[in-house]
Amino acid sequence: MSQDIYGLRTATPASSAVGADYGFVRLHETSTRRVTRGVWAGGGVLFDSHSNVGPAEGVEEEWPTSPYVTYSQSHDLPLEGQQSAGVSANVPINTRDSDIEPRRGAVRERRVSDVRRRLHVAVAALRHAYYLPLNKDRRHLLAVWLLGDMTTHGAPLAISICRRPSWT
């Protein structure tokens, strides 16, 4: 996999990107059970592996000062690859009328993960989705999503935080 990585500040310009090549495997699996109408509870397993991390072709000179190397060294993380595995506790609340094409309702989910690797990391995640009608027959909706992953303890994997979100 190839991807540009960026600095951690919000004002990092796109021109400061440094190309990285790496292998990537992710397994996030969750199982939930209905507790009551619209409320579910469950747990999951999480595994992420970034292997053979290195500079993309043509950026070898910039690699030692790249955000990935700088962050990894400051948190005593290995440069050649980083793995994490853990468990999660999930509580989704789903009041949507349909999971596939919702016309009304909302979905809210909280996830707390205990991720282990060389350092202990705790992550709290939230997901909110609301569907607001733009006309009376509800044929046109505005979907509003709020997503967040907050690290509450430890340092997250470097490659995960140094990349620019796909929606920018």
Protein backbone atom coordinates (compact mmCIF):
# COMPACT_ATOMS: atom_id res chain seq x y z
CA MET A 1 0.00 0.00 0.00
CA SER A 2 1.24 3.51 -0.75
CA GLN A 3 0.07 6.60 1.06
CA ASP A 4 1.22 10.13 1.74
CA ILE A 5 1.78 10.94 5.40
CA TYR A 6 1.51 14.38 6.98
CA GLY A 7 2.47 16.26 10.12
CA LEU A 8 0.12 16.25 13.08
CA ARG A 9 -0.87 19.90 13.09
CA THR A 10 -4.12 20.98 11.44
CA ALA A 11 -2.34 23.57 9.34
CA THR A 12 0.05 21.06 7.72
CA PRO A 13 0.09 21.92 4.01
CA ALA A 14 -0.41 19.22 1.39
CA SER A 15 2.98 20.13 -0.06
CA SER A 16 4.69 18.72 3.06
CA ALA A 17 3.47 15.17 2.39
CA VAL A 18 6.04 12.36 2.41
CA GLY A 19 5.24 9.13 0.56
CA ALA A 20 5.26 5.86 2.50
CA ASP A 21 4.95 2.24 1.37
CA TYR A 22 3.76 -0.47 3.75
CA GLY A 23 1.76 -3.64 4.12
CA PHE A 24 -1.54 -3.31 5.95
CA VAL A 25 -3.85 -5.84 7.57
CA ARG A 26 -6.90 -4.88 9.64
CA LEU A 27 -9.43 -7.08 11.38
CA HIS A 28 -12.12 -5.37 13.44
CA GLU A 29 -14.98 -7.72 14.25
CA THR A 30 -17.86 -6.94 16.60
CA SER A 31 -20.76 -9.00 17.79
CA THR A 32 -23.79 -7.41 19.44
CA ARG A 33 -27.00 -8.65 20.97
CA ARG A 34 -30.26 -6.79 21.34
CA VAL A 35 -30.85 -5.71 24.93
CA THR A 36 -34.12 -3.86 24.41
CA ARG A 37 -35.83 -1.98 21.58
CA GLY A 38 -33.13 -0.04 19.75
CA VAL A 39 -30.39 -0.81 22.29
CA TRP A 40 -27.65 -3.32 21.60
CA ALA A 41 -24.57 -4.39 23.57
CA GLY A 42 -21.60 -6.47 22.64
CA GLY A 43 -17.89 -6.77 22.20
CA GLY A 44 -15.26 -7.24 19.59
CA VAL A 45 -11.69 -8.00 18.68
CA LEU A 46 -9.35 -5.53 17.01
CA PHE A 47 -6.13 -6.20 15.12
CA ASP A 48 -4.07 -3.79 13.02
CA SER A 49 -0.71 -4.47 11.42
CA HIS A 50 1.45 -2.06 9.45
CA SER A 51 4.50 -3.97 8.18
CA ASN A 52 7.50 -3.26 5.97
CA VAL A 53 7.05 0.48 6.49
CA GLY A 54 9.46 2.57 4.49
CA PRO A 55 9.80 5.50 2.12
CA ALA A 56 8.07 5.50 -1.24
CA GLU A 57 10.29 5.62 -4.29
CA GLY A 58 11.92 9.02 -4.68
CA VAL A 59 11.55 10.29 -1.08
CA GLU A 60 14.37 8.33 0.58
CA GLU A 61 16.24 11.55 1.53
CA GLU A 62 13.16 13.04 3.25
CA TRP A 63 12.26 9.85 5.15
CA PRO A 64 14.49 10.34 8.26
CA THR A 65 12.67 13.62 9.05
CA SER A 66 9.18 12.45 8.03
CA PRO A 67 6.28 12.72 10.50
CA TYR A 68 6.17 8.91 10.76
CA VAL A 69 9.81 8.59 11.79
CA THR A 70 9.70 11.60 14.11
CA TYR A 71 6.55 10.40 15.91
CA SER A 72 7.72 6.78 16.11
CA GLN A 73 11.08 7.71 17.59
CA SER A 74 9.58 10.12 20.13
CA HIS A 75 7.23 7.37 21.38
CA ASP A 76 9.80 4.54 21.19
CA LEU A 77 7.87 2.71 18.45
CA PRO A 78 9.61 0.47 15.90
CA LEU A 79 10.17 2.02 12.47
CA GLU A 80 9.90 -1.13 10.34
CA GLY A 81 6.32 -1.90 11.38
CA GLN A 82 3.75 -1.53 14.14
CA GLN A 83 1.05 -3.91 15.31
CA SER A 84 -1.74 -3.65 17.83
CA ALA A 85 -4.45 -6.00 19.05
CA GLY A 86 -7.18 -5.68 21.62
CA VAL A 87 -10.80 -5.99 22.60
CA SER A 88 -13.72 -3.57 22.58
CA ALA A 89 -16.99 -3.06 24.42
CA ASN A 90 -19.73 -1.57 22.22
CA VAL A 91 -23.14 -0.06 22.96
CA PRO A 92 -25.00 1.03 19.81
CA ILE A 93 -28.41 2.71 20.08
CA ASN A 94 -30.23 2.53 16.77
CA THR A 95 -33.61 4.23 16.31
CA ARG A 96 -33.46 4.34 12.48
CA ASP A 97 -36.39 2.91 10.56
CA SER A 98 -33.97 0.98 8.29
CA ASP A 99 -30.29 0.13 8.42
CA ILE A 100 -29.90 0.21 4.63
CA GLU A 101 -31.91 3.30 3.63
CA PRO A 102 -32.97 5.17 6.75
CA ARG A 103 -35.64 7.87 6.46
CA ARG A 104 -35.81 8.85 10.11
CA GLY A 105 -34.16 8.23 13.41
CA ALA A 106 -30.58 8.22 14.56
CA VAL A 107 -27.78 5.88 15.46
CA ARG A 108 -25.42 6.50 18.35
CA GLU A 109 -22.58 4.23 19.34
CA ARG A 110 -19.92 4.28 22.01
CA ARG A 111 -16.93 1.98 21.88
CA VAL A 112 -14.20 1.59 24.45
CA SER A 113 -11.16 -0.35 23.29
CA ASP A 114 -8.26 -1.77 25.23
CA VAL A 115 -5.48 -2.09 22.66
CA ARG A 116 -2.23 -3.79 23.55
CA ARG A 117 1.15 -3.67 21.91
CA ARG A 118 4.48 -2.60 23.35
CA LEU A 119 2.63 0.32 24.91
CA HIS A 120 -0.83 0.17 26.44
CA VAL A 121 -3.38 2.34 24.62
CA ALA A 122 -7.00 2.98 25.56
CA VAL A 123 -9.31 4.43 22.91
CA ALA A 124 -12.82 5.81 23.25
CA ALA A 125 -14.81 6.15 20.05
CA LEU A 126 -18.16 7.66 19.25
CA ARG A 127 -20.39 7.64 16.22
CA HIS A 128 -23.56 9.68 15.76
CA ALA A 129 -25.71 9.77 12.64
CA TYR A 130 -28.87 11.82 12.22
CA TYR A 131 -31.22 11.97 9.23
CA LEU A 132 -33.01 15.25 8.74
CA PRO A 133 -35.81 15.59 6.14
CA LEU A 134 -35.47 18.37 3.60
CA ASN A 135 -39.07 18.09 2.35
CA LYS A 136 -42.46 16.82 3.60
CA ASP A 137 -42.41 13.41 1.89
CA ARG A 138 -38.91 12.68 3.31
CA ARG A 139 -37.57 11.77 -0.13
CA HIS A 140 -34.64 14.12 0.35
CA LEU A 141 -32.63 13.83 3.53
CA LEU A 142 -29.62 15.47 5.01
CA ALA A 143 -27.45 12.90 6.80
CA VAL A 144 -25.30 14.40 9.53
CA TRP A 145 -22.47 12.25 10.88
CA LEU A 146 -20.21 12.91 13.82
CA LEU A 147 -17.29 10.52 14.25
CA GLY A 148 -14.49 10.57 16.79
CA ASP A 149 -11.67 8.43 18.11
CA MET A 150 -10.04 9.70 21.26
CA THR A 151 -6.91 8.17 22.75
CA THR A 152 -7.29 8.30 26.50
CA HIS A 153 -3.98 6.66 27.42
CA GLY A 154 -0.78 5.88 25.53
CA ALA A 155 0.34 6.68 21.98
CA PRO A 156 -1.63 5.49 18.92
CA LEU A 157 0.12 3.85 15.97
CA ALA A 158 2.10 6.42 14.00
CA ILE A 159 0.86 5.50 10.53
CA SER A 160 -2.76 5.80 11.66
CA ILE A 161 -2.45 9.39 12.84
CA CYS A 162 -0.03 10.73 10.21
CA ARG A 163 -2.31 10.16 7.26
CA ARG A 164 -4.75 12.70 5.89
CA PRO A 165 -8.40 11.60 6.13
CA SER A 166 -9.82 10.37 2.83
CA TRP A 167 -12.54 13.05 2.84
CA THR A 168 -10.12 16.02 2.70
